[in-house]
Amino acid sequence: QGLIARSDANAAALDTIVADRDWLGHLAVE
């Protein structure tokens, strides 16, 4: 659970970065 939580937090932080920049996007559509 601790390992999963760290991965989740990292992915969420990167997702925020992507959402704030119109030149960045996710290759994974869904």
PDB file of all heavy atoms in Angstrom:
ATOM      1  N   GLN A   1       0.818  -1.209   0.000  1.00  0.00           N
ATOM      2  CA  GLN A   1       0.000   0.000   0.000  1.00  0.00           C
ATOM      3  C   GLN A   1       0.852   1.261   0.000  1.00  0.00           C
ATOM      4  O   GLN A   1       0.528   2.247  -0.667  1.00  0.00           O
ATOM      5  CB  GLN A   1      -0.950  -0.006   1.206  1.00  0.00           C
ATOM      6  CG  GLN A   1      -2.031  -1.071   1.123  1.00  0.00           C
ATOM      7  CD  GLN A   1      -2.835  -0.987  -0.164  1.00  0.00           C
ATOM      8  OE1 GLN A   1      -3.284   0.092  -0.566  1.00  0.00           O
ATOM      9  NE2 GLN A   1      -3.010  -2.119  -0.842  1.00  0.00           N
ATOM     10  N   GLY A   2       1.952   1.224   0.730  1.00  0.00           N
ATOM     11  CA  GLY A   2       2.851   2.377   0.746  1.00  0.00           C
ATOM     12  C   GLY A   2       3.505   2.604  -0.604  1.00  0.00           C
ATOM     13  O   GLY A   2       3.635   3.751  -1.067  1.00  0.00           O
ATOM     14  N   LEU A   3       3.924   1.528  -1.259  1.00  0.00           N
ATOM     15  CA  LEU A   3       4.534   1.642  -2.581  1.00  0.00           C
ATOM     16  C   LEU A   3       3.531   2.143  -3.613  1.00  0.00           C
ATOM     17  O   LEU A   3       3.840   3.020  -4.429  1.00  0.00           O
ATOM     18  CB  LEU A   3       5.104   0.283  -3.006  1.00  0.00           C
ATOM     19  CG  LEU A   3       6.296  -0.228  -2.186  1.00  0.00           C
ATOM     20  CD1 LEU A   3       6.545  -1.695  -2.476  1.00  0.00           C
ATOM     21  CD2 LEU A   3       7.545   0.594  -2.490  1.00  0.00           C
ATOM     22  N   ILE A   4       2.328   1.602  -3.566  1.00  0.00           N
ATOM     23  CA  ILE A   4       1.272   2.029  -4.497  1.00  0.00           C
ATOM     24  C   ILE A   4       0.944   3.503  -4.283  1.00  0.00           C
ATOM     25  O   ILE A   4       0.776   4.262  -5.244  1.00  0.00           O
ATOM     26  CB  ILE A   4       0.024   1.150  -4.338  1.00  0.00           C
ATOM     27  CG1 ILE A   4       0.303  -0.274  -4.854  1.00  0.00           C
ATOM     28  CG2 ILE A   4      -1.172   1.750  -5.066  1.00  0.00           C
ATOM     29  CD1 ILE A   4      -0.777  -1.282  -4.510  1.00  0.00           C
ATOM     30  N   ALA A   5       0.880   3.918  -3.031  1.00  0.00           N
ATOM     31  CA  ALA A   5       0.549   5.316  -2.729  1.00  0.00           C
ATOM     32  C   ALA A   5       1.600   6.267  -3.291  1.00  0.00           C
ATOM     33  O   ALA A   5       1.266   7.355  -3.804  1.00  0.00           O
ATOM     34  CB  ALA A   5       0.403   5.510  -1.220  1.00  0.00           C
ATOM     35  N   ARG A   6       2.863   5.881  -3.208  1.00  0.00           N
ATOM     36  CA  ARG A   6       3.922   6.747  -3.751  1.00  0.00           C
ATOM     37  C   ARG A   6       3.807   6.845  -5.275  1.00  0.00           C
ATOM     38  O   ARG A   6       3.943   7.933  -5.847  1.00  0.00           O
ATOM     39  CB  ARG A   6       5.298   6.219  -3.341  1.00  0.00           C
ATOM     40  CG  ARG A   6       5.677   6.546  -1.894  1.00  0.00           C
ATOM     41  CD  ARG A   6       7.059   5.994  -1.548  1.00  0.00           C
ATOM     42  NE  ARG A   6       8.115   6.605  -2.330  1.00  0.00           N
ATOM     43  CZ  ARG A   6       8.864   7.636  -1.943  1.00  0.00           C
ATOM     44  NH1 ARG A   6       8.631   8.204  -0.766  1.00  0.00           N
ATOM     45  NH2 ARG A   6       9.829   8.101  -2.716  1.00  0.00           N
ATOM     46  N   SER A   7       3.567   5.730  -5.939  1.00  0.00           N
ATOM     47  CA  SER A   7       3.393   5.768  -7.395  1.00  0.00           C
ATOM     48  C   SER A   7       2.193   6.630  -7.778  1.00  0.00           C
ATOM     49  O   SER A   7       2.259   7.429  -8.722  1.00  0.00           O
ATOM     50  CB  SER A   7       3.214   4.350  -7.947  1.00  0.00           C
ATOM     51  OG  SER A   7       4.419   3.625  -7.927  1.00  0.00           O
ATOM     52  N   ASP A   8       1.098   6.462  -7.053  1.00  0.00           N
ATOM     53  CA  ASP A   8      -0.109   7.248  -7.327  1.00  0.00           C
ATOM     54  C   ASP A   8       0.170   8.747  -7.184  1.00  0.00           C
ATOM     55  O   ASP A   8      -0.271   9.559  -8.014  1.00  0.00           O
ATOM     56  CB  ASP A   8      -1.238   6.844  -6.391  1.00  0.00           C
ATOM     57  CG  ASP A   8      -1.848   5.487  -6.736  1.00  0.00           C
ATOM     58  OD1 ASP A   8      -1.510   4.929  -7.789  1.00  0.00           O
ATOM     59  OD2 ASP A   8      -2.664   4.990  -5.935  1.00  0.00           O
ATOM     60  N   ALA A   9       0.892   9.115  -6.131  1.00  0.00           N
ATOM     61  CA  ALA A   9       1.193  10.534  -5.898  1.00  0.00           C
ATOM     62  C   ALA A   9       2.094  11.089  -6.993  1.00  0.00           C
ATOM     63  O   ALA A   9       1.906  12.228  -7.452  1.00  0.00           O
ATOM     64  CB  ALA A   9       1.855  10.704  -4.524  1.00  0.00           C
ATOM     65  N   ASN A  10       3.060  10.297  -7.423  1.00  0.00           N
ATOM     66  CA  ASN A  10       3.952  10.750  -8.491  1.00  0.00           C
ATOM     67  C   ASN A  10       3.193  10.937  -9.802  1.00  0.00           C
ATOM     68  O   ASN A  10       3.384  11.937 -10.508  1.00  0.00           O
ATOM     69  CB  ASN A  10       5.080   9.732  -8.687  1.00  0.00           C
ATOM     70  CG  ASN A  10       6.059   9.725  -7.532  1.00  0.00           C
ATOM     71  OD1 ASN A  10       6.160  10.687  -6.790  1.00  0.00           O
ATOM     72  ND2 ASN A  10       6.781   8.634  -7.379  1.00  0.00           N
ATOM     73  N   ALA A  11       2.335   9.970 -10.133  1.00  0.00           N
ATOM     74  CA  ALA A  11       1.568  10.067 -11.371  1.00  0.00           C
ATOM     75  C   ALA A  11       0.621  11.263 -11.333  1.00  0.00           C
ATOM     76  O   ALA A  11       0.434  11.955 -12.339  1.00  0.00           O
ATOM     77  CB  ALA A  11       0.789   8.773 -11.601  1.00  0.00           C
ATOM     78  N   ALA A  12       0.035  11.518 -10.168  1.00  0.00           N
ATOM     79  CA  ALA A  12      -0.872  12.665 -10.038  1.00  0.00           C
ATOM     80  C   ALA A  12      -0.116  13.978 -10.212  1.00  0.00           C
ATOM     81  O   ALA A  12      -0.616  14.920 -10.848  1.00  0.00           O
ATOM     82  CB  ALA A  12      -1.568  12.626  -8.678  1.00  0.00           C
ATOM     83  N   ALA A  13       1.097  14.053  -9.657  1.00  0.00           N
ATOM     84  CA  ALA A  13       1.902  15.270  -9.798  1.00  0.00           C
ATOM     85  C   ALA A  13       2.269  15.509 -11.258  1.00  0.00           C
ATOM     86  O   ALA A  13       2.211  16.644 -11.748  1.00  0.00           O
ATOM     87  CB  ALA A  13       3.158  15.170  -8.939  1.00  0.00           C
ATOM     88  N   LEU A  14       2.624  14.449 -11.969  1.00  0.00           N
ATOM     89  CA  LEU A  14       2.962  14.603 -13.382  1.00  0.00           C
ATOM     90  C   LEU A  14       1.723  14.948 -14.202  1.00  0.00           C
ATOM     91  O   LEU A  14       1.789  15.754 -15.137  1.00  0.00           O
ATOM     92  CB  LEU A  14       3.616  13.327 -13.906  1.00  0.00           C
ATOM     93  CG  LEU A  14       4.094  13.385 -15.360  1.00  0.00           C
ATOM     94  CD1 LEU A  14       5.079  14.529 -15.581  1.00  0.00           C
ATOM     95  CD2 LEU A  14       4.740  12.060 -15.763  1.00  0.00           C
ATOM     96  N   ASP A  15       0.596  14.373 -13.831  1.00  0.00           N
ATOM     97  CA  ASP A  15      -0.643  14.676 -14.544  1.00  0.00           C
ATOM     98  C   ASP A  15      -1.000  16.156 -14.416  1.00  0.00           C
ATOM     99  O   ASP A  15      -1.487  16.776 -15.371  1.00  0.00           O
ATOM    100  CB  ASP A  15      -1.780  13.803 -14.002  1.00  0.00           C
ATOM    101  CG  ASP A  15      -3.003  13.822 -14.907  1.00  0.00           C
ATOM    102  OD1 ASP A  15      -2.842  13.565 -16.114  1.00  0.00           O
ATOM    103  OD2 ASP A  15      -4.100  14.101 -14.405  1.00  0.00           O
ATOM    104  N   THR A  16      -0.740  16.743 -13.263  1.00  0.00           N
ATOM    105  CA  THR A  16      -0.975  18.174 -13.070  1.00  0.00           C
ATOM    106  C   THR A  16      -0.084  18.998 -13.991  1.00  0.00           C
ATOM    107  O   THR A  16      -0.523  19.990 -14.596  1.00  0.00           O
ATOM    108  CB  THR A  16      -0.727  18.557 -11.603  1.00  0.00           C
ATOM    109  OG1 THR A  16      -1.663  17.879 -10.770  1.00  0.00           O
ATOM    110  CG2 THR A  16      -0.870  20.059 -11.392  1.00  0.00           C
ATOM    111  N   ILE A  17       1.173  18.581 -14.113  1.00  0.00           N
ATOM    112  CA  ILE A  17       2.096  19.268 -15.017  1.00  0.00           C
ATOM    113  C   ILE A  17       1.579  19.216 -16.448  1.00  0.00           C
ATOM    114  O   ILE A  17       1.571  20.217 -17.171  1.00  0.00           O
ATOM    115  CB  ILE A  17       3.503  18.647 -14.904  1.00  0.00           C
ATOM    116  CG1 ILE A  17       4.134  18.980 -13.555  1.00  0.00           C
ATOM    117  CG2 ILE A  17       4.407  19.111 -16.052  1.00  0.00           C
ATOM    118  CD1 ILE A  17       5.422  18.234 -13.270  1.00  0.00           C
ATOM    119  N   VAL A  18       1.135  18.044 -16.868  1.00  0.00           N
ATOM    120  CA  VAL A  18       0.637  17.866 -18.241  1.00  0.00           C
ATOM    121  C   VAL A  18      -0.619  18.715 -18.462  1.00  0.00           C
ATOM    122  O   VAL A  18      -0.757  19.394 -19.489  1.00  0.00           O
ATOM    123  CB  VAL A  18       0.348  16.382 -18.522  1.00  0.00           C
ATOM    124  CG1 VAL A  18      -0.323  16.203 -19.879  1.00  0.00           C
ATOM    125  CG2 VAL A  18       1.637  15.560 -18.460  1.00  0.00           C
ATOM    126  N   ALA A  19      -1.530  18.694 -17.497  1.00  0.00           N
ATOM    127  CA  ALA A  19      -2.798  19.424 -17.646  1.00  0.00           C
ATOM    128  C   ALA A  19      -2.582  20.930 -17.771  1.00  0.00           C
ATOM    129  O   ALA A  19      -3.379  21.628 -18.412  1.00  0.00           O
ATOM    130  CB  ALA A  19      -3.706  19.122 -16.457  1.00  0.00           C
ATOM    131  N   ASP A  20      -1.501  21.443 -17.190  1.00  0.00           N
ATOM    132  CA  ASP A  20      -1.233  22.878 -17.205  1.00  0.00           C
ATOM    133  C   ASP A  20      -0.509  23.348 -18.467  1.00  0.00           C
ATOM    134  O   ASP A  20      -0.238  24.546 -18.610  1.00  0.00           O
ATOM    135  CB  ASP A  20      -0.399  23.265 -15.979  1.00  0.00           C
ATOM    136  CG  ASP A  20      -1.194  23.222 -14.681  1.00  0.00           C
ATOM    137  OD1 ASP A  20      -2.438  23.184 -14.753  1.00  0.00           O
ATOM    138  OD2 ASP A  20      -0.567  23.200 -13.602  1.00  0.00           O
ATOM    139  N   ARG A  21      -0.169  22.428 -19.369  1.00  0.00           N
ATOM    140  CA  ARG A  21       0.627  22.788 -20.554  1.00  0.00           C
ATOM    141  C   ARG A  21      -0.052  22.279 -21.820  1.00  0.00           C
ATOM    142  O   ARG A  21      -0.235  21.068 -21.969  1.00  0.00           O
ATOM    143  CB  ARG A  21       2.040  22.200 -20.421  1.00  0.00           C
ATOM    144  CG  ARG A  21       2.855  22.925 -19.348  1.00  0.00           C
ATOM    145  CD  ARG A  21       3.932  22.044 -18.738  1.00  0.00           C
ATOM    146  NE  ARG A  21       4.728  22.809 -17.775  1.00  0.00           N
ATOM    147  CZ  ARG A  21       4.370  23.022 -16.504  1.00  0.00           C
ATOM    148  NH1 ARG A  21       3.221  22.534 -16.049  1.00  0.00           N
ATOM    149  NH2 ARG A  21       5.136  23.728 -15.693  1.00  0.00           N
ATOM    150  N   ASP A  22      -0.368  23.182 -22.726  1.00  0.00           N
ATOM    151  CA  ASP A  22      -1.077  22.759 -23.930  1.00  0.00           C
ATOM    152  C   ASP A  22      -0.177  22.030 -24.916  1.00  0.00           C
ATOM    153  O   ASP A  22      -0.661  21.423 -25.874  1.00  0.00           O
ATOM    154  CB  ASP A  22      -1.774  23.950 -24.598  1.00  0.00           C
ATOM    155  CG  ASP A  22      -0.813  25.081 -24.984  1.00  0.00           C
ATOM    156  OD1 ASP A  22       0.428  24.888 -24.884  1.00  0.00           O
ATOM    157  OD2 ASP A  22      -1.301  26.155 -25.395  1.00  0.00           O
ATOM    158  N   TRP A  23       1.124  22.078 -24.704  1.00  0.00           N
ATOM    159  CA  TRP A  23       2.051  21.398 -25.623  1.00  0.00           C
ATOM    160  C   TRP A  23       2.405  19.980 -25.152  1.00  0.00           C
ATOM    161  O   TRP A  23       3.074  19.232 -25.875  1.00  0.00           O
ATOM    162  CB  TRP A  23       3.325  22.218 -25.813  1.00  0.00           C
ATOM    163  CG  TRP A  23       4.063  22.556 -24.541  1.00  0.00           C
ATOM    164  CD1 TRP A  23       3.865  23.650 -23.749  1.00  0.00           C
ATOM    165  CD2 TRP A  23       5.100  21.793 -23.930  1.00  0.00           C
ATOM    166  NE1 TRP A  23       4.714  23.617 -22.664  1.00  0.00           N
ATOM    167  CE2 TRP A  23       5.486  22.485 -22.759  1.00  0.00           C
ATOM    168  CE3 TRP A  23       5.749  20.601 -24.248  1.00  0.00           C
ATOM    169  CZ2 TRP A  23       6.494  22.024 -21.908  1.00  0.00           C
ATOM    170  CZ3 TRP A  23       6.749  20.131 -23.402  1.00  0.00           C
ATOM    171  CH2 TRP A  23       7.112  20.848 -22.250  1.00  0.00           C
ATOM    172  N   LEU A  24       1.943  19.611 -23.980  1.00  0.00           N
ATOM    173  CA  LEU A  24       2.167  18.264 -23.446  1.00  0.00           C
ATOM    174  C   LEU A  24       0.856  17.494 -23.435  1.00  0.00           C
ATOM    175  O   LEU A  24      -0.212  18.057 -23.188  1.00  0.00           O
ATOM    176  CB  LEU A  24       2.694  18.332 -22.006  1.00  0.00           C
ATOM    177  CG  LEU A  24       4.204  18.321 -21.760  1.00  0.00           C
ATOM    178  CD1 LEU A  24       4.470  18.365 -20.259  1.00  0.00           C
ATOM    179  CD2 LEU A  24       4.880  17.116 -22.388  1.00  0.00           C
ATOM    180  N   GLY A  25       0.942  16.194 -23.673  1.00  0.00           N
ATOM    181  CA  GLY A  25      -0.243  15.352 -23.597  1.00  0.00           C
ATOM    182  C   GLY A  25       0.135  13.935 -23.222  1.00  0.00           C
ATOM    183  O   GLY A  25       1.316  13.569 -23.192  1.00  0.00           O
ATOM    184  N   HIS A  26      -0.855  13.120 -22.905  1.00  0.00           N
ATOM    185  CA  HIS A  26      -0.630  11.712 -22.593  1.00  0.00           C
ATOM    186  C   HIS A  26      -0.778  10.873 -23.863  1.00  0.00           C
ATOM    187  O   HIS A  26      -1.749  11.039 -24.607  1.00  0.00           O
ATOM    188  CB  HIS A  26      -1.631  11.224 -21.546  1.00  0.00           C
ATOM    189  CG  HIS A  26      -1.331  11.684 -20.160  1.00  0.00           C
ATOM    190  ND1 HIS A  26      -0.326  11.140 -19.395  1.00  0.00           N
ATOM    191  CD2 HIS A  26      -1.918  12.644 -19.383  1.00  0.00           C
ATOM    192  CE1 HIS A  26      -0.298  11.732 -18.213  1.00  0.00           C
ATOM    193  NE2 HIS A  26      -1.252  12.647 -18.175  1.00  0.00           N
ATOM    194  N   LEU A  27       0.171   9.979 -24.081  1.00  0.00           N
ATOM    195  CA  LEU A  27       0.042   9.043 -25.201  1.00  0.00           C
ATOM    196  C   LEU A  27      -1.129   8.092 -24.961  1.00  0.00           C
ATOM    197  O   LEU A  27      -1.852   7.744 -25.899  1.00  0.00           O
ATOM    198  CB  LEU A  27       1.348   8.258 -25.372  1.00  0.00           C
ATOM    199  CG  LEU A  27       1.400   7.246 -26.516  1.00  0.00           C
ATOM    200  CD1 LEU A  27       1.160   7.915 -27.864  1.00  0.00           C
ATOM    201  CD2 LEU A  27       2.746   6.518 -26.513  1.00  0.00           C
ATOM    202  N   ALA A  28      -1.317   7.672 -23.709  1.00  0.00           N
ATOM    203  CA  ALA A  28      -2.450   6.808 -23.356  1.00  0.00           C
ATOM    204  C   ALA A  28      -3.734   7.622 -23.387  1.00  0.00           C
ATOM    205  O   ALA A  28      -3.886   8.594 -22.641  1.00  0.00           O
ATOM    206  CB  ALA A  28      -2.234   6.199 -21.979  1.00  0.00           C
ATOM    207  N   VAL A  29      -4.657   7.217 -24.227  1.00  0.00           N
ATOM    208  CA  VAL A  29      -5.859   8.017 -24.471  1.00  0.00           C
ATOM    209  C   VAL A  29      -6.814   7.986 -23.281  1.00  0.00           C
ATOM    210  O   VAL A  29      -7.305   9.028 -22.831  1.00  0.00           O
ATOM    211  CB  VAL A  29      -6.577   7.512 -25.745  1.00  0.00           C
ATOM    212  CG1 VAL A  29      -7.882   8.281 -25.963  1.00  0.00           C
ATOM    213  CG2 VAL A  29      -5.667   7.642 -26.951  1.00  0.00           C
ATOM    214  N   GLU A  30      -7.092   6.792 -22.756  1.00  0.00           N
ATOM    215  CA  GLU A  30      -8.068   6.632 -21.686  1.00  0.00           C
ATOM    216  C   GLU A  30      -7.393   6.698 -20.317  1.00  0.00           C
ATOM    217  O   GLU A  30      -6.421   5.990 -20.065  1.00  0.00           O
ATOM    218  CB  GLU A  30      -8.803   5.298 -21.831  1.00  0.00           C
ATOM    219  CG  GLU A  30      -9.584   5.155 -23.116  1.00  0.00           C
ATOM    220  CD  GLU A  30     -10.758   6.107 -23.194  1.00  0.00           C
ATOM    221  OE1 GLU A  30     -11.256   6.509 -22.120  1.00  0.00           O
ATOM    222  OE2 GLU A  30     -11.176   6.449 -24.318  1.00  0.00           O
TER     223      GLU A  30
END
